[in-house]
C-alpha atoms as a PDB file:
ATOM      1  CA  MET A   1      62.116 -43.005  84.270  1.00  0.00           C
ATOM      2  CA  GLY A   2      61.885 -46.512  82.867  1.00  0.00           C
ATOM      3  CA  GLU A   3      64.133 -49.210  81.618  1.00  0.00           C
ATOM      4  CA  THR A   4      67.376 -48.342  79.802  1.00  0.00           C
ATOM      5  CA  VAL A   5      65.875 -48.866  76.334  1.00  0.00           C
ATOM      6  CA  GLN A   6      62.981 -46.515  77.169  1.00  0.00           C
ATOM      7  CA  ARG A   7      65.396 -43.775  78.245  1.00  0.00           C
ATOM      8  CA  VAL A   8      67.208 -43.698  74.914  1.00  0.00           C
ATOM      9  CA  ARG A   9      64.995 -41.323  73.034  1.00  0.00           C
ATOM     10  CA  CYS A  10      67.069 -41.007  69.835  1.00  0.00           C
ATOM     11  CA  ALA A  11      70.221 -42.706  68.540  1.00  0.00           C
ATOM     12  CA  GLN A  12      70.858 -42.344  64.817  1.00  0.00           C
ATOM     13  CA  ILE A  13      73.210 -41.726  61.969  1.00  0.00           C
ATOM     14  CA  SER A  14      71.655 -39.348  59.419  1.00  0.00           C
ATOM     15  CA  GLN A  15      72.369 -37.578  56.146  1.00  0.00           C
ATOM     16  CA  VAL A  16      69.863 -34.799  56.860  1.00  0.00           C
ATOM     17  CA  PRO A  17      70.807 -31.621  58.708  1.00  0.00           C
ATOM     18  CA  LEU A  18      70.839 -31.984  62.518  1.00  0.00           C
ATOM     19  CA  GLY A  19      69.857 -29.610  65.295  1.00  0.00           C
ATOM     20  CA  VAL A  20      69.984 -29.734  69.056  1.00  0.00           C
ATOM     21  CA  GLU A  21      66.404 -28.532  69.260  1.00  0.00           C
ATOM     22  CA  ARG A  22      65.180 -31.979  68.154  1.00  0.00           C
ATOM     23  CA  MET A  23      67.403 -33.635  70.749  1.00  0.00           C
ATOM     24  CA  ILE A  24      66.122 -31.316  73.499  1.00  0.00           C
ATOM     25  CA  ALA A  25      62.519 -32.106  72.547  1.00  0.00           C
ATOM     26  CA  ALA A  26      63.279 -35.838  72.688  1.00  0.00           C
ATOM     27  CA  VAL A  27      64.562 -35.728  76.290  1.00  0.00           C
ATOM     28  CA  THR A  28      62.295 -33.031  77.783  1.00  0.00           C
ATOM     29  CA  ASP A  29      60.574 -34.478  80.816  1.00  0.00           C
ATOM     30  CA  PRO A  30      58.951 -32.842  83.892  1.00  0.00           C
ATOM     31  CA  ARG A  31      61.014 -35.125  86.149  1.00  0.00           C
ATOM     32  CA  CYS A  32      64.250 -33.588  84.865  1.00  0.00           C
ATOM     33  CA  GLY A  33      65.563 -30.310  86.131  1.00  0.00           C
ATOM     34  CA  ALA A  34      68.600 -30.263  83.854  1.00  0.00           C
ATOM     35  CA  VAL A  35      69.104 -30.661  80.098  1.00  0.00           C
ATOM     36  CA  VAL A  36      72.690 -30.541  78.822  1.00  0.00           C
ATOM     37  CA  THR A  37      73.328 -30.342  75.096  1.00  0.00           C
ATOM     38  CA  PHE A  38      76.307 -30.643  72.749  1.00  0.00           C
ATOM     39  CA  ASP A  39      76.396 -29.282  69.206  1.00  0.00           C
ATOM     40  CA  GLY A  40      79.565 -30.275  67.406  1.00  0.00           C
ATOM     41  CA  VAL A  41      79.801 -27.937  64.447  1.00  0.00           C
ATOM     42  CA  VAL A  42      82.188 -27.862  61.476  1.00  0.00           C
ATOM     43  CA  ARG A  43      84.811 -25.177  62.168  1.00  0.00           C
ATOM     44  CA  ASP A  44      86.716 -23.191  59.566  1.00  0.00           C
ATOM     45  CA  HIS A  45      90.193 -24.327  60.664  1.00  0.00           C
ATOM     46  CA  ASP A  46      92.170 -27.280  61.961  1.00  0.00           C
ATOM     47  CA  GLY A  47      95.802 -27.334  62.983  1.00  0.00           C
ATOM     48  CA  GLY A  48      96.408 -23.826  61.724  1.00  0.00           C
ATOM     49  CA  ARG A  49      94.942 -24.568  58.285  1.00  0.00           C
ATOM     50  CA  GLY A  50      91.733 -23.228  56.788  1.00  0.00           C
ATOM     51  CA  VAL A  51      88.995 -25.822  56.332  1.00  0.00           C
ATOM     52  CA  ASP A  52      86.659 -25.493  53.353  1.00  0.00           C
ATOM     53  CA  ARG A  53      84.292 -28.384  54.144  1.00  0.00           C
ATOM     54  CA  LEU A  54      84.079 -31.938  55.506  1.00  0.00           C
ATOM     55  CA  GLU A  55      82.711 -35.212  54.294  1.00  0.00           C
ATOM     56  CA  TYR A  56      81.831 -37.895  56.864  1.00  0.00           C
ATOM     57  CA  SER A  57      81.635 -41.551  55.871  1.00  0.00           C
ATOM     58  CA  ALA A  58      79.721 -43.979  58.080  1.00  0.00           C
ATOM     59  CA  HIS A  59      80.222 -47.731  58.250  1.00  0.00           C
ATOM     60  CA  PRO A  60      76.966 -49.699  57.599  1.00  0.00           C
ATOM     61  CA  LEU A  61      76.985 -50.760  61.281  1.00  0.00           C
ATOM     62  CA  ALA A  62      77.338 -47.183  62.572  1.00  0.00           C
ATOM     63  CA  ASP A  63      73.626 -47.077  63.438  1.00  0.00           C
ATOM     64  CA  GLU A  64      74.000 -50.120  65.656  1.00  0.00           C
ATOM     65  CA  ALA A  65      77.146 -48.717  67.267  1.00  0.00           C
ATOM     66  CA  ILE A  66      75.585 -45.341  68.166  1.00  0.00           C
ATOM     67  CA  ALA A  67      72.510 -47.092  69.582  1.00  0.00           C
ATOM     68  CA  GLU A  68      74.720 -49.335  71.711  1.00  0.00           C
ATOM     69  CA  VAL A  69      76.654 -46.334  73.016  1.00  0.00           C
ATOM     70  CA  ALA A  70      73.411 -44.525  73.891  1.00  0.00           C
ATOM     71  CA  ARG A  71      72.134 -47.570  75.785  1.00  0.00           C
ATOM     72  CA  GLU A  72      75.438 -47.868  77.691  1.00  0.00           C
ATOM     73  CA  ILE A  73      75.298 -44.211  78.764  1.00  0.00           C
ATOM     74  CA  ALA A  74      71.643 -44.531  79.814  1.00  0.00           C
ATOM     75  CA  ASP A  75      72.592 -47.655  81.774  1.00  0.00           C
ATOM     76  CA  ARG A  76      75.700 -46.032  83.295  1.00  0.00           C
ATOM     77  CA  TYR A  77      73.739 -42.960  84.419  1.00  0.00           C
ATOM     78  CA  PRO A  78      70.418 -44.054  85.908  1.00  0.00           C
ATOM     79  CA  ASP A  79      67.596 -41.542  85.739  1.00  0.00           C
ATOM     80  CA  THR A  80      68.957 -39.942  82.550  1.00  0.00           C
ATOM     81  CA  LEU A  81      67.250 -39.551  79.196  1.00  0.00           C
ATOM     82  CA  VAL A  82      69.577 -39.675  76.134  1.00  0.00           C
ATOM     83  CA  ALA A  83      69.317 -38.409  72.539  1.00  0.00           C
ATOM     84  CA  VAL A  84      72.212 -38.454  70.061  1.00  0.00           C
ATOM     85  CA  ALA A  85      72.669 -38.176  66.310  1.00  0.00           C
ATOM     86  CA  HIS A  86      75.705 -38.000  64.020  1.00  0.00           C
ATOM     87  CA  ARG A  87      75.552 -36.757  60.446  1.00  0.00           C
ATOM     88  CA  HIS A  88      77.383 -38.229  57.499  1.00  0.00           C
ATOM     89  CA  GLY A  89      77.837 -37.038  53.946  1.00  0.00           C
ATOM     90  CA  PRO A  90      79.062 -33.555  52.877  1.00  0.00           C
ATOM     91  CA  LEU A  91      78.946 -30.794  55.511  1.00  0.00           C
ATOM     92  CA  GLU A  92      79.817 -27.111  55.247  1.00  0.00           C
ATOM     93  CA  VAL A  93      81.451 -24.889  57.863  1.00  0.00           C
ATOM     94  CA  GLY A  94      78.829 -24.173  60.526  1.00  0.00           C
ATOM     95  CA  ASP A  95      76.851 -27.392  59.954  1.00  0.00           C
ATOM     96  CA  SER A  96      76.174 -29.627  62.932  1.00  0.00           C
ATOM     97  CA  ALA A  97      78.018 -32.950  62.779  1.00  0.00           C
ATOM     98  CA  LEU A  98      77.256 -34.458  66.190  1.00  0.00           C
ATOM     99  CA  VAL A  99      74.344 -33.366  68.365  1.00  0.00           C
ATOM    100  CA  CYS A 100      73.096 -34.725  71.664  1.00  0.00           C
ATOM    101  CA  ALA A 101      71.031 -33.921  74.710  1.00  0.00           C
ATOM    102  CA  VAL A 102      70.945 -35.578  78.114  1.00  0.00           C
ATOM    103  CA  ALA A 103      68.243 -34.823  80.691  1.00  0.00           C
ATOM    104  CA  ALA A 104      68.493 -35.741  84.375  1.00  0.00           C
ATOM    105  CA  PRO A 105      66.928 -34.629  87.617  1.00  0.00           C
ATOM    106  CA  HIS A 106      70.154 -32.788  88.555  1.00  0.00           C
ATOM    107  CA  ARG A 107      72.798 -30.886  86.552  1.00  0.00           C
ATOM    108  CA  LYS A 108      75.937 -32.737  87.598  1.00  0.00           C
ATOM    109  CA  GLN A 109      74.584 -36.051  86.379  1.00  0.00           C
ATOM    110  CA  ALA A 110      73.419 -34.490  83.110  1.00  0.00           C
ATOM    111  CA  PHE A 111      76.833 -32.847  82.480  1.00  0.00           C
ATOM    112  CA  ALA A 112      78.732 -36.031  83.277  1.00  0.00           C
ATOM    113  CA  ALA A 113      76.516 -38.194  81.113  1.00  0.00           C
ATOM    114  CA  CYS A 114      76.621 -35.775  78.156  1.00  0.00           C
ATOM    115  CA  ASP A 115      80.441 -35.540  78.319  1.00  0.00           C
ATOM    116  CA  ASP A 116      80.730 -39.335  78.508  1.00  0.00           C
ATOM    117  CA  LEU A 117      78.280 -39.715  75.611  1.00  0.00           C
ATOM    118  CA  VAL A 118      80.267 -37.437  73.280  1.00  0.00           C
ATOM    119  CA  ASP A 119      83.584 -39.032  74.140  1.00  0.00           C
ATOM    120  CA  THR A 120      82.247 -42.575  73.721  1.00  0.00           C
ATOM    121  CA  VAL A 121      80.591 -41.801  70.387  1.00  0.00           C
ATOM    122  CA  LYS A 122      83.837 -40.345  69.084  1.00  0.00           C
ATOM    123  CA  GLN A 123      85.758 -43.406  70.304  1.00  0.00           C
ATOM    124  CA  ARG A 124      83.471 -46.170  69.189  1.00  0.00           C
ATOM    125  CA  VAL A 125      81.136 -45.205  66.351  1.00  0.00           C
ATOM    126  CA  PRO A 126      82.726 -46.061  62.987  1.00  0.00           C
ATOM    127  CA  ILE A 127      82.575 -42.703  61.257  1.00  0.00           C
ATOM    128  CA  TRP A 128      85.495 -41.163  59.373  1.00  0.00           C
ATOM    129  CA  LYS A 129      86.067 -37.504  58.585  1.00  0.00           C
ATOM    130  CA  HIS A 130      87.521 -36.312  55.288  1.00  0.00           C
ATOM    131  CA  GLN A 131      88.711 -32.722  55.718  1.00  0.00           C
ATOM    132  CA  ILE A 132      89.061 -30.595  52.596  1.00  0.00           C
ATOM    133  CA  PHE A 133      91.328 -27.646  53.277  1.00  0.00           C
ATOM    134  CA  ALA A 134      91.149 -24.179  51.760  1.00  0.00           C
ATOM    135  CA  ASP A 135      94.412 -24.809  49.881  1.00  0.00           C
ATOM    136  CA  GLY A 136      92.844 -27.805  48.043  1.00  0.00           C
ATOM    137  CA  GLU A 137      94.632 -30.496  50.061  1.00  0.00           C
ATOM    138  CA  SER A 138      92.712 -32.983  52.170  1.00  0.00           C
ATOM    139  CA  GLU A 139      93.162 -35.582  54.907  1.00  0.00           C
ATOM    140  CA  TRP A 140      91.213 -38.401  56.430  1.00  0.00           C
ATOM    141  CA  VAL A 141      90.693 -38.409  60.184  1.00  0.00           C
ATOM    142  CA  GLY A 142      89.433 -41.545  61.921  1.00  0.00           C
ATOM    143  CA  ALA A 143      86.905 -41.067  64.658  1.00  0.00           C
ATOM    144  CA  LEU A 144      88.016 -44.400  66.100  1.00  0.00           C
ATOM    145  CA  SER A 145      91.166 -44.458  68.143  1.00  0.00           C
END
């Protein structure tokens, strides 16, 4: 399937709306029998409180960080193709915040790599979430632990 860098088909931080369809198209390959996707959408609640909307802020180096994570996943899971994007800026309930797709010859590898990709992006990419609740209050949630 090529070198690690060739198997990362997309790794970006974006202000434009995201969709898993683009991620699927990026990793579609006749050598792969499995494509696993993740679509992290803004939900209408958190911790028992209604959520009105979110605003994500990205560090200027977030693009580099997400690319590094994608390369690590592709390296960790040989024969996988990886595509991932995280949105920043204002998002409404139902908007996609984090989308990814991983293709592999077999399903177990694709599932494992996709799960690892999502967890690692949330741990290492410097993006912060500002939740605005229905009652007018808000809170900042760090994506980095």
